[in-house]
């Protein structure tokens, strides 16, 4: 088992693959949507587990910019549809 940024990453062989479980160490951290996945290699399992944990730590600013961009695109698409309809 490996601790990474507040999460326990547990890797074990299962059915010819590697089962990777990612769980928060304390109740202060959110539970990942899919805490258990299967991978072809142990290296792939650990790398993906860390990537999934890192996504939780992305800055709120990045999320805000992404949402803003999505809303701007949605507005432009809606305006174009209204123009075509009318």
N, C-alpha and C. Protein backbone atom coordinates (compact mmCIF):
# COMPACT_ATOMS: atom_id res chain seq x y z
N UNK A 1 0.86 -1.18 0.00
CA UNK A 1 0.00 0.00 0.00
C UNK A 1 0.90 1.24 0.00
N UNK A 2 0.47 2.24 -0.74
CA UNK A 2 1.22 3.49 -0.86
C UNK A 2 0.29 4.64 -0.50
N UNK A 3 0.79 5.59 0.29
CA UNK A 3 0.03 6.81 0.59
C UNK A 3 0.42 7.88 -0.42
N UNK A 4 -0.58 8.55 -0.97
CA UNK A 4 -0.33 9.60 -1.95
C UNK A 4 -1.33 10.73 -1.76
N UNK A 5 -0.87 11.87 -1.32
CA UNK A 5 -1.66 13.09 -1.18
C UNK A 5 -2.96 12.87 -0.40
N UNK A 6 -2.90 12.08 0.66
CA UNK A 6 -4.08 11.86 1.50
C UNK A 6 -4.91 10.66 1.11
N UNK A 7 -4.44 9.88 0.15
CA UNK A 7 -5.16 8.70 -0.31
C UNK A 7 -4.27 7.46 -0.21
N UNK A 8 -4.88 6.35 0.12
CA UNK A 8 -4.18 5.07 0.13
C UNK A 8 -4.38 4.39 -1.22
N UNK A 9 -3.29 4.01 -1.86
CA UNK A 9 -3.34 3.29 -3.13
C UNK A 9 -2.92 1.86 -2.84
N UNK A 10 -3.83 0.94 -3.03
CA UNK A 10 -3.58 -0.46 -2.74
C UNK A 10 -3.67 -1.26 -4.04
N UNK A 11 -2.58 -1.95 -4.38
CA UNK A 11 -2.50 -2.71 -5.62
C UNK A 11 -2.40 -4.19 -5.26
N UNK A 12 -3.19 -5.02 -5.96
CA UNK A 12 -3.10 -6.47 -5.74
C UNK A 12 -3.40 -7.21 -7.03
N UNK A 13 -2.74 -8.36 -7.25
CA UNK A 13 -3.03 -9.14 -8.45
C UNK A 13 -4.42 -9.76 -8.35
N UNK A 14 -5.15 -9.74 -9.47
CA UNK A 14 -6.50 -10.32 -9.47
C UNK A 14 -6.88 -10.71 -10.89
N UNK A 15 -7.21 -11.97 -11.08
CA UNK A 15 -7.70 -12.47 -12.37
C UNK A 15 -6.75 -12.16 -13.52
N UNK A 16 -5.45 -12.30 -13.30
CA UNK A 16 -4.47 -12.06 -14.35
C UNK A 16 -4.23 -10.59 -14.63
N UNK A 17 -4.79 -9.72 -13.82
CA UNK A 17 -4.61 -8.27 -13.98
C UNK A 17 -4.19 -7.70 -12.63
N UNK A 18 -4.18 -6.39 -12.53
CA UNK A 18 -3.88 -5.73 -11.27
C UNK A 18 -5.09 -4.92 -10.83
N UNK A 19 -5.55 -5.18 -9.62
CA UNK A 19 -6.66 -4.42 -9.06
C UNK A 19 -6.08 -3.28 -8.24
N UNK A 20 -6.57 -2.08 -8.51
CA UNK A 20 -6.09 -0.89 -7.82
C UNK A 20 -7.26 -0.24 -7.08
N UNK A 21 -7.09 -0.09 -5.77
CA UNK A 21 -8.12 0.55 -4.96
C UNK A 21 -7.55 1.85 -4.39
N UNK A 22 -8.30 2.92 -4.52
CA UNK A 22 -7.88 4.23 -4.03
C UNK A 22 -8.92 4.70 -3.02
N UNK A 23 -8.49 4.89 -1.79
CA UNK A 23 -9.41 5.30 -0.72
C UNK A 23 -8.81 6.45 0.07
N UNK A 24 -9.64 7.38 0.53
CA UNK A 24 -9.12 8.48 1.35
C UNK A 24 -8.62 7.96 2.69
N UNK A 25 -7.54 8.57 3.18
CA UNK A 25 -6.98 8.17 4.47
C UNK A 25 -7.83 8.72 5.62
N UNK A 26 -8.41 9.90 5.40
CA UNK A 26 -9.28 10.47 6.45
C UNK A 26 -10.60 10.90 5.84
N UNK A 27 -11.56 11.17 6.69
CA UNK A 27 -12.89 11.58 6.22
C UNK A 27 -12.90 13.00 5.67
N UNK A 28 -11.79 13.71 5.77
CA UNK A 28 -11.69 15.08 5.24
C UNK A 28 -11.58 15.10 3.71
N UNK A 29 -11.24 13.96 3.13
CA UNK A 29 -11.03 13.89 1.69
C UNK A 29 -12.22 13.22 1.00
N UNK A 30 -12.56 13.66 -0.21
CA UNK A 30 -13.69 13.04 -0.92
C UNK A 30 -13.36 11.64 -1.41
N UNK A 31 -14.38 10.82 -1.53
CA UNK A 31 -14.23 9.47 -2.07
C UNK A 31 -14.26 9.57 -3.59
N UNK A 32 -13.35 8.90 -4.25
CA UNK A 32 -13.34 8.91 -5.71
C UNK A 32 -14.57 8.18 -6.23
N UNK A 33 -15.06 8.62 -7.37
CA UNK A 33 -16.27 8.03 -7.94
C UNK A 33 -16.11 6.53 -8.17
N UNK A 34 -14.98 6.13 -8.68
CA UNK A 34 -14.70 4.71 -8.91
C UNK A 34 -13.43 4.39 -8.12
N UNK A 35 -13.59 3.77 -6.97
CA UNK A 35 -12.42 3.57 -6.11
C UNK A 35 -11.62 2.32 -6.49
N UNK A 36 -12.18 1.42 -7.29
CA UNK A 36 -11.50 0.19 -7.66
C UNK A 36 -11.55 0.00 -9.17
N UNK A 37 -10.38 -0.23 -9.76
CA UNK A 37 -10.28 -0.48 -11.20
C UNK A 37 -9.25 -1.57 -11.47
N UNK A 38 -9.32 -2.15 -12.67
CA UNK A 38 -8.39 -3.21 -13.07
C UNK A 38 -7.48 -2.70 -14.19
N UNK A 39 -6.20 -3.13 -14.15
CA UNK A 39 -5.20 -2.67 -15.12
C UNK A 39 -4.36 -3.85 -15.58
N UNK A 40 -3.74 -3.71 -16.75
CA UNK A 40 -2.89 -4.76 -17.30
C UNK A 40 -1.56 -4.85 -16.56
N UNK A 41 -1.03 -3.70 -16.13
CA UNK A 41 0.27 -3.71 -15.44
C UNK A 41 0.17 -2.95 -14.11
N UNK A 42 1.05 -3.31 -13.20
CA UNK A 42 1.10 -2.63 -11.90
C UNK A 42 1.49 -1.16 -12.07
N UNK A 43 2.42 -0.90 -12.97
CA UNK A 43 2.87 0.47 -13.23
C UNK A 43 1.72 1.34 -13.74
N UNK A 44 0.94 0.80 -14.66
CA UNK A 44 -0.22 1.52 -15.20
C UNK A 44 -1.24 1.80 -14.09
N UNK A 45 -1.43 0.85 -13.20
CA UNK A 45 -2.39 1.01 -12.11
C UNK A 45 -1.99 2.15 -11.18
N UNK A 46 -0.73 2.18 -10.79
CA UNK A 46 -0.24 3.23 -9.89
C UNK A 46 -0.30 4.59 -10.56
N UNK A 47 0.14 4.66 -11.81
CA UNK A 47 0.14 5.94 -12.53
C UNK A 47 -1.27 6.50 -12.66
N UNK A 48 -2.23 5.64 -13.01
CA UNK A 48 -3.61 6.13 -13.17
C UNK A 48 -4.22 6.52 -11.83
N UNK A 49 -3.91 5.78 -10.78
CA UNK A 49 -4.42 6.13 -9.45
C UNK A 49 -3.92 7.51 -9.04
N UNK A 50 -2.65 7.78 -9.26
CA UNK A 50 -2.09 9.10 -8.91
C UNK A 50 -2.70 10.20 -9.76
N UNK A 51 -2.92 9.90 -11.04
CA UNK A 51 -3.54 10.90 -11.93
C UNK A 51 -4.95 11.24 -11.45
N UNK A 52 -5.71 10.21 -11.02
CA UNK A 52 -7.07 10.44 -10.54
C UNK A 52 -7.07 11.27 -9.26
N UNK A 53 -6.12 11.01 -8.37
CA UNK A 53 -6.01 11.81 -7.14
C UNK A 53 -5.61 13.24 -7.49
N UNK A 54 -4.64 13.39 -8.40
CA UNK A 54 -4.19 14.73 -8.79
C UNK A 54 -5.32 15.57 -9.36
N UNK A 55 -6.26 14.93 -10.08
CA UNK A 55 -7.39 15.67 -10.64
C UNK A 55 -8.22 16.33 -9.55
N UNK A 56 -8.26 15.73 -8.36
CA UNK A 56 -9.00 16.33 -7.25
C UNK A 56 -8.34 17.61 -6.76
N UNK A 57 -7.04 17.74 -7.00
CA UNK A 57 -6.27 18.88 -6.51
C UNK A 57 -6.10 19.98 -7.55
N UNK A 58 -6.76 19.87 -8.68
CA UNK A 58 -6.65 20.93 -9.69
C UNK A 58 -7.18 22.23 -9.09
N UNK A 59 -6.54 23.33 -9.43
CA UNK A 59 -6.97 24.62 -8.87
C UNK A 59 -8.41 24.96 -9.26
N UNK A 60 -9.09 25.58 -8.33
CA UNK A 60 -10.47 26.00 -8.58
C UNK A 60 -10.53 26.97 -9.76
N UNK A 61 -9.48 27.72 -9.96
CA UNK A 61 -9.44 28.68 -11.07
C UNK A 61 -9.55 27.96 -12.42
N UNK A 62 -8.87 26.83 -12.54
CA UNK A 62 -8.97 26.06 -13.77
C UNK A 62 -10.39 25.59 -14.01
N UNK A 63 -11.04 25.12 -12.97
CA UNK A 63 -12.43 24.69 -13.07
C UNK A 63 -13.33 25.87 -13.46
N UNK A 64 -13.12 27.02 -12.84
CA UNK A 64 -13.93 28.20 -13.15
C UNK A 64 -13.78 28.59 -14.61
N UNK A 65 -12.53 28.59 -15.11
CA UNK A 65 -12.28 28.96 -16.51
C UNK A 65 -12.94 27.97 -17.46
N UNK A 66 -12.88 26.70 -17.12
CA UNK A 66 -13.49 25.67 -17.96
C UNK A 66 -15.00 25.85 -18.01
N UNK A 67 -15.61 26.10 -16.85
CA UNK A 67 -17.06 26.30 -16.82
C UNK A 67 -17.45 27.56 -17.59
N UNK A 68 -16.68 28.62 -17.42
CA UNK A 68 -16.97 29.87 -18.14
C UNK A 68 -16.90 29.64 -19.65
N UNK A 69 -15.85 28.95 -20.10
CA UNK A 69 -15.69 28.67 -21.52
C UNK A 69 -16.87 27.85 -22.03
N UNK A 70 -17.32 26.88 -21.24
CA UNK A 70 -18.46 26.05 -21.65
C UNK A 70 -19.72 26.87 -21.77
N UNK A 71 -19.93 27.80 -20.84
CA UNK A 71 -21.12 28.64 -20.89
C UNK A 71 -21.08 29.58 -22.09
N UNK A 72 -19.91 30.12 -22.38
CA UNK A 72 -19.77 31.00 -23.55
C UNK A 72 -20.07 30.22 -24.82
N UNK A 73 -19.53 29.01 -24.93
CA UNK A 73 -19.78 28.16 -26.11
C UNK A 73 -21.26 27.82 -26.21
N UNK A 74 -21.90 27.49 -25.09
CA UNK A 74 -23.32 27.17 -25.08
C UNK A 74 -24.14 28.36 -25.54
N UNK A 75 -23.79 29.56 -25.07
CA UNK A 75 -24.50 30.78 -25.46
C UNK A 75 -24.37 31.00 -26.97
N UNK A 76 -23.17 30.83 -27.50
CA UNK A 76 -22.94 31.04 -28.93
C UNK A 76 -23.72 30.02 -29.76
N UNK A 77 -23.74 28.76 -29.31
CA UNK A 77 -24.49 27.73 -30.02
C UNK A 77 -25.99 28.02 -30.00
N UNK A 78 -26.49 28.46 -28.86
CA UNK A 78 -27.92 28.78 -28.74
C UNK A 78 -28.29 29.95 -29.64
N UNK A 79 -27.45 30.98 -29.65
CA UNK A 79 -27.70 32.15 -30.50
C UNK A 79 -27.69 31.75 -31.97
N UNK A 80 -26.79 30.88 -32.37
CA UNK A 80 -26.73 30.43 -33.76
C UNK A 80 -27.99 29.64 -34.13
N UNK A 81 -28.47 28.81 -33.22
CA UNK A 81 -29.69 28.03 -33.47
C UNK A 81 -30.89 28.96 -33.61
N UNK A 82 -30.96 29.99 -32.81
CA UNK A 82 -32.08 30.94 -32.88
C UNK A 82 -32.04 31.68 -34.21
N UNK A 83 -30.84 32.08 -34.64
CA UNK A 83 -30.69 32.77 -35.93
C UNK A 83 -31.12 31.88 -37.08
N UNK A 84 -30.75 30.60 -37.04
CA UNK A 84 -31.13 29.69 -38.11
C UNK A 84 -32.64 29.44 -38.12
N UNK A 85 -33.25 29.41 -36.94
CA UNK A 85 -34.67 29.12 -36.84
C UNK A 85 -35.54 30.31 -37.26
N UNK A 86 -34.96 31.46 -37.15
CA UNK A 86 -35.81 32.50 -37.31
C UNK A 86 -35.90 33.68 -38.02
